[in-house]
Amino acid sequence: MAVYIIYSSKYFEALNHLKYLALGDSYTIGESVDYDLNFPSQTTALLRRSGFSIDDPTIIAQTGWTTDELMNAITSANTPSRFDVVSLLIGVNNQYRAYPIDKYKQEFESLLKTAILFAGGQHSCVFVLSIPDWGVTPYAAGRDKNKISAEIDAYNAINRSIAENYKVRYIDITPETRNASSNIFLLASDGLHPSAIAYTEWAIKLSQEIMPVLLQRQKG
């Protein structure tokens, strides 16, 4: 059961119209679920229920994107330069396409630097989510699932290390995604992507990390 923390409106006088930027791939856009059920939209809804005034999320994400494709899209997008919250979840397609992991390391760090710039240099307002393990899904049938999981772990070791080096928030959602091996309700109808239920779990974890950061900023 989700627990919502409701704050008094007096805390939000300086926090009106917060802006949230979500950077990623299919996991961010919410492939195979309604748009308002992807995790950025659900996170926004949870923040509103807790009393925050926040705009609908700005999402730069597309199914299939790798780190370099996300970088190119950010460069091409006419995106406002300042956000109160920025999330970054990227890398599964690098792993899927068997790109060199050193390429991921270099490009992820560049993306994280960009995310920090979008947050106005406020490292605490940037949130990195770990890469889900698609090796447990029906889509991976006939593939070496142990190899997929091991590679996902290696990618996550990199993004966690970089996140820690830059002192941004790191949210490990991978263990929950592995529960899909025994819980079909965590999967969308395509047998690969997370369901709305799974995204709710992510949104709860993310919103619970975001709220104290925003409150601390308000206090100055």
Protein backbone atom coordinates (compact mmCIF):
# COMPACT_ATOMS: atom_id res chain seq x y z
CA MET A 1 0.00 0.00 0.00
CA ALA A 2 1.34 3.42 -0.98
CA VAL A 3 1.80 5.94 1.81
CA TYR A 4 1.42 9.58 0.86
CA ILE A 5 2.97 12.34 2.94
CA ILE A 6 0.82 15.46 2.97
CA TYR A 7 2.63 18.67 3.83
CA SER A 8 1.08 21.95 4.89
CA SER A 9 0.68 24.45 2.07
CA LYS A 10 2.88 26.97 3.93
CA TYR A 11 5.93 24.98 2.80
CA PHE A 12 5.21 25.57 -0.86
CA GLU A 13 4.98 29.34 -1.14
CA ALA A 14 8.37 29.40 -2.87
CA LEU A 15 7.87 26.13 -4.73
CA ASN A 16 5.05 26.95 -7.13
CA HIS A 17 5.12 25.52 -10.63
CA LEU A 18 8.02 23.17 -10.14
CA LYS A 19 9.47 21.70 -13.31
CA TYR A 20 10.55 18.08 -13.82
CA LEU A 21 12.68 16.78 -16.70
CA ALA A 22 12.87 13.03 -17.33
CA LEU A 23 15.63 11.73 -19.61
CA GLY A 24 15.75 8.17 -20.89
CA ASP A 25 14.39 5.53 -23.23
CA SER A 26 11.34 3.22 -23.36
CA TYR A 27 11.37 2.80 -19.59
CA THR A 28 10.91 6.55 -19.19
CA ILE A 29 8.37 7.14 -21.94
CA GLY A 30 6.40 4.13 -20.69
CA GLU A 31 6.26 1.83 -23.70
CA SER A 32 3.02 -0.24 -23.76
CA VAL A 33 1.25 1.74 -21.00
CA ASP A 34 -0.86 4.89 -21.13
CA TYR A 35 1.19 8.07 -21.01
CA ASP A 36 -0.19 9.15 -17.66
CA LEU A 37 0.95 5.82 -16.17
CA ASN A 38 4.65 6.07 -17.00
CA PHE A 39 6.85 6.68 -14.00
CA PRO A 40 7.50 10.42 -14.56
CA SER A 41 3.75 11.08 -14.81
CA GLN A 42 3.01 8.94 -11.76
CA THR A 43 5.79 10.64 -9.83
CA THR A 44 4.30 14.02 -10.66
CA ALA A 45 0.87 12.83 -9.53
CA LEU A 46 2.29 11.64 -6.20
CA LEU A 47 4.04 14.96 -5.64
CA ARG A 48 0.80 16.79 -6.30
CA ARG A 49 -1.05 14.58 -3.83
CA SER A 50 1.53 15.60 -1.26
CA GLY A 51 0.86 19.27 -1.87
CA PHE A 52 3.54 20.25 -4.38
CA SER A 53 2.63 22.48 -7.30
CA ILE A 54 4.40 20.88 -10.24
CA ASP A 55 3.93 21.05 -13.98
CA ASP A 56 3.44 17.98 -16.14
CA PRO A 57 6.86 16.38 -16.72
CA THR A 58 8.97 17.28 -19.72
CA ILE A 59 10.14 13.97 -21.17
CA ILE A 60 13.00 13.46 -23.59
CA ALA A 61 12.89 9.74 -24.22
CA GLN A 62 12.11 7.24 -26.95
CA THR A 63 11.94 3.49 -27.23
CA GLY A 64 15.24 2.04 -28.38
CA TRP A 65 17.44 4.97 -27.55
CA THR A 66 21.04 4.42 -26.51
CA THR A 67 23.16 6.94 -24.64
CA ASP A 68 24.43 8.61 -27.82
CA GLU A 69 20.92 8.88 -29.26
CA LEU A 70 19.67 10.50 -26.07
CA MET A 71 22.58 12.92 -26.17
CA ASN A 72 21.74 13.87 -29.77
CA ALA A 73 18.05 14.32 -28.90
CA ILE A 74 18.88 16.63 -26.00
CA THR A 75 21.06 18.71 -28.29
CA SER A 76 18.28 18.94 -30.87
CA ALA A 77 15.43 19.61 -28.45
CA ASN A 78 14.29 23.14 -27.71
CA THR A 79 14.22 22.48 -23.97
CA PRO A 80 14.10 25.04 -21.16
CA SER A 81 17.44 25.26 -19.43
CA ARG A 82 16.29 25.10 -15.81
CA PHE A 83 14.41 22.37 -13.94
CA ASP A 84 13.79 21.68 -10.27
CA VAL A 85 14.02 17.91 -10.69
CA VAL A 86 15.85 15.84 -13.31
CA SER A 87 15.81 12.05 -13.62
CA LEU A 88 18.06 9.92 -15.81
CA LEU A 89 17.54 6.27 -16.73
CA ILE A 90 19.48 5.04 -19.75
CA GLY A 91 21.63 2.14 -20.90
CA VAL A 92 19.53 -0.95 -21.57
CA ASN A 93 19.77 -0.49 -25.33
CA ASN A 94 23.54 -0.11 -25.13
CA GLN A 95 23.57 -3.51 -23.44
CA TYR A 96 21.05 -4.98 -25.89
CA ARG A 97 23.08 -3.85 -28.91
CA ALA A 98 26.30 -5.10 -27.29
CA TYR A 99 27.98 -1.71 -27.45
CA PRO A 100 31.35 -1.46 -25.69
CA ILE A 101 30.75 -0.85 -22.01
CA ASP A 102 33.48 1.79 -21.96
CA LYS A 103 31.38 3.74 -24.46
CA TYR A 104 28.50 3.62 -22.01
CA LYS A 105 30.71 4.83 -19.18
CA GLN A 106 31.90 7.85 -21.14
CA GLU A 107 28.51 8.80 -22.54
CA PHE A 108 26.61 8.23 -19.31
CA GLU A 109 28.96 10.57 -17.48
CA SER A 110 28.41 13.18 -20.18
CA LEU A 111 24.64 12.78 -19.87
CA LEU A 112 24.82 13.10 -16.10
CA LYS A 113 26.78 16.32 -16.40
CA THR A 114 24.10 17.60 -18.75
CA ALA A 115 21.39 16.57 -16.27
CA ILE A 116 23.16 18.51 -13.52
CA LEU A 117 23.29 21.58 -15.77
CA PHE A 118 19.54 21.25 -16.38
CA ALA A 119 19.12 21.24 -12.59
CA GLY A 120 20.99 24.51 -12.31
CA GLY A 121 24.06 22.82 -10.88
CA GLN A 122 22.05 21.43 -7.95
CA HIS A 123 23.42 17.88 -7.73
CA SER A 124 20.89 16.89 -5.08
CA CYS A 125 18.05 17.57 -7.54
CA VAL A 126 19.28 14.94 -10.01
CA PHE A 127 18.09 11.35 -9.66
CA VAL A 128 19.62 8.38 -11.46
CA LEU A 129 17.55 5.21 -11.73
CA SER A 130 19.23 1.87 -12.29
CA ILE A 131 18.63 -0.16 -15.46
CA PRO A 132 15.87 -2.80 -15.22
CA ASP A 133 16.71 -6.43 -15.93
CA TRP A 134 14.85 -7.47 -19.06
CA GLY A 135 16.50 -10.89 -18.86
CA VAL A 136 13.70 -12.10 -16.57
CA THR A 137 10.95 -11.26 -19.08
CA PRO A 138 9.24 -13.60 -21.58
CA TYR A 139 10.85 -11.53 -24.35
CA ALA A 140 14.21 -12.99 -23.31
CA ALA A 141 13.07 -16.58 -23.83
CA GLY A 142 15.74 -18.56 -25.65
CA ARG A 143 18.47 -16.12 -24.68
CA ASP A 144 21.13 -16.51 -22.01
CA LYS A 145 19.25 -14.86 -19.15
CA ASN A 146 22.15 -15.17 -16.72
CA LYS A 147 24.40 -13.37 -19.18
CA ILE A 148 21.85 -10.58 -19.61
CA SER A 149 21.51 -10.16 -15.86
CA ALA A 150 25.28 -10.11 -15.38
CA GLU A 151 25.68 -7.46 -18.06
CA ILE A 152 22.89 -5.34 -16.57
CA ASP A 153 24.68 -5.58 -13.22
CA ALA A 154 27.91 -4.40 -14.87
CA TYR A 155 26.16 -1.42 -16.45
CA ASN A 156 24.52 -0.54 -13.16
CA ALA A 157 27.84 -0.74 -11.34
CA ILE A 158 29.06 1.95 -13.73
CA ASN A 159 26.09 4.29 -13.46
CA ARG A 160 26.00 3.90 -9.67
CA SER A 161 29.70 4.71 -9.37
CA ILE A 162 29.39 7.77 -11.58
CA ALA A 163 26.28 8.93 -9.74
CA GLU A 164 28.07 8.62 -6.41
CA ASN A 165 31.10 10.48 -7.74
CA TYR A 166 28.89 13.39 -8.76
CA LYS A 167 26.89 13.21 -5.52
CA VAL A 168 23.50 12.79 -7.16
CA ARG A 169 20.70 10.58 -5.84
CA TYR A 170 20.78 6.94 -6.97
CA ILE A 171 17.64 4.80 -6.93
CA ASP A 172 18.11 1.07 -7.38
CA ILE A 173 14.97 -0.32 -9.02
CA THR A 174 16.62 -3.40 -10.55
CA PRO A 175 15.74 -5.85 -7.75
CA GLU A 176 12.05 -4.99 -8.13
CA THR A 177 12.19 -5.53 -11.88
CA ARG A 178 13.55 -9.04 -11.32
CA ASN A 179 10.37 -9.88 -9.44
CA ALA A 180 8.69 -9.98 -12.86
CA SER A 181 10.09 -13.49 -13.27
CA SER A 182 7.35 -14.69 -10.90
CA ASN A 183 4.80 -11.87 -11.09
CA ILE A 184 3.24 -11.28 -14.50
CA PHE A 185 1.40 -8.22 -13.19
CA LEU A 186 4.71 -6.37 -13.25
CA LEU A 187 4.88 -6.72 -17.04
CA ALA A 188 3.05 -4.87 -19.79
CA SER A 189 1.18 -6.76 -22.50
CA ASP A 190 4.27 -6.88 -24.74
CA GLY A 191 6.03 -9.21 -22.30
CA LEU A 192 9.06 -6.96 -22.11
CA HIS A 193 8.32 -3.57 -20.62
CA PRO A 194 7.10 -2.80 -17.10
CA SER A 195 3.42 -2.50 -16.36
CA ALA A 196 1.71 0.50 -14.79
CA ILE A 197 1.90 -1.36 -11.48
CA ALA A 198 5.67 -1.64 -11.77
CA TYR A 199 5.96 2.03 -12.66
CA THR A 200 3.96 2.87 -9.54
CA GLU A 201 6.65 1.17 -7.44
CA TRP A 202 9.33 3.26 -9.14
CA ALA A 203 7.31 6.45 -8.77
CA ILE A 204 6.82 5.90 -5.05
CA LYS A 205 10.56 5.41 -4.51
CA LEU A 206 11.43 8.42 -6.65
CA SER A 207 8.86 10.76 -5.13
CA GLN A 208 9.97 9.83 -1.61
CA GLU A 209 13.51 10.86 -2.56
CA ILE A 210 12.39 14.06 -4.26
CA MET A 211 10.14 15.49 -1.53
CA PRO A 212 12.74 16.09 1.19
CA VAL A 213 15.11 17.63 -1.35
CA LEU A 214 12.51 20.15 -2.46
CA LEU A 215 11.56 20.95 1.12
CA GLN A 216 15.19 21.51 2.05
CA ARG A 217 15.59 23.88 -0.89
CA GLN A 218 12.54 25.83 0.25
CA LYS A 219 14.03 26.24 3.71
CA GLY A 220 17.15 27.66 2.12
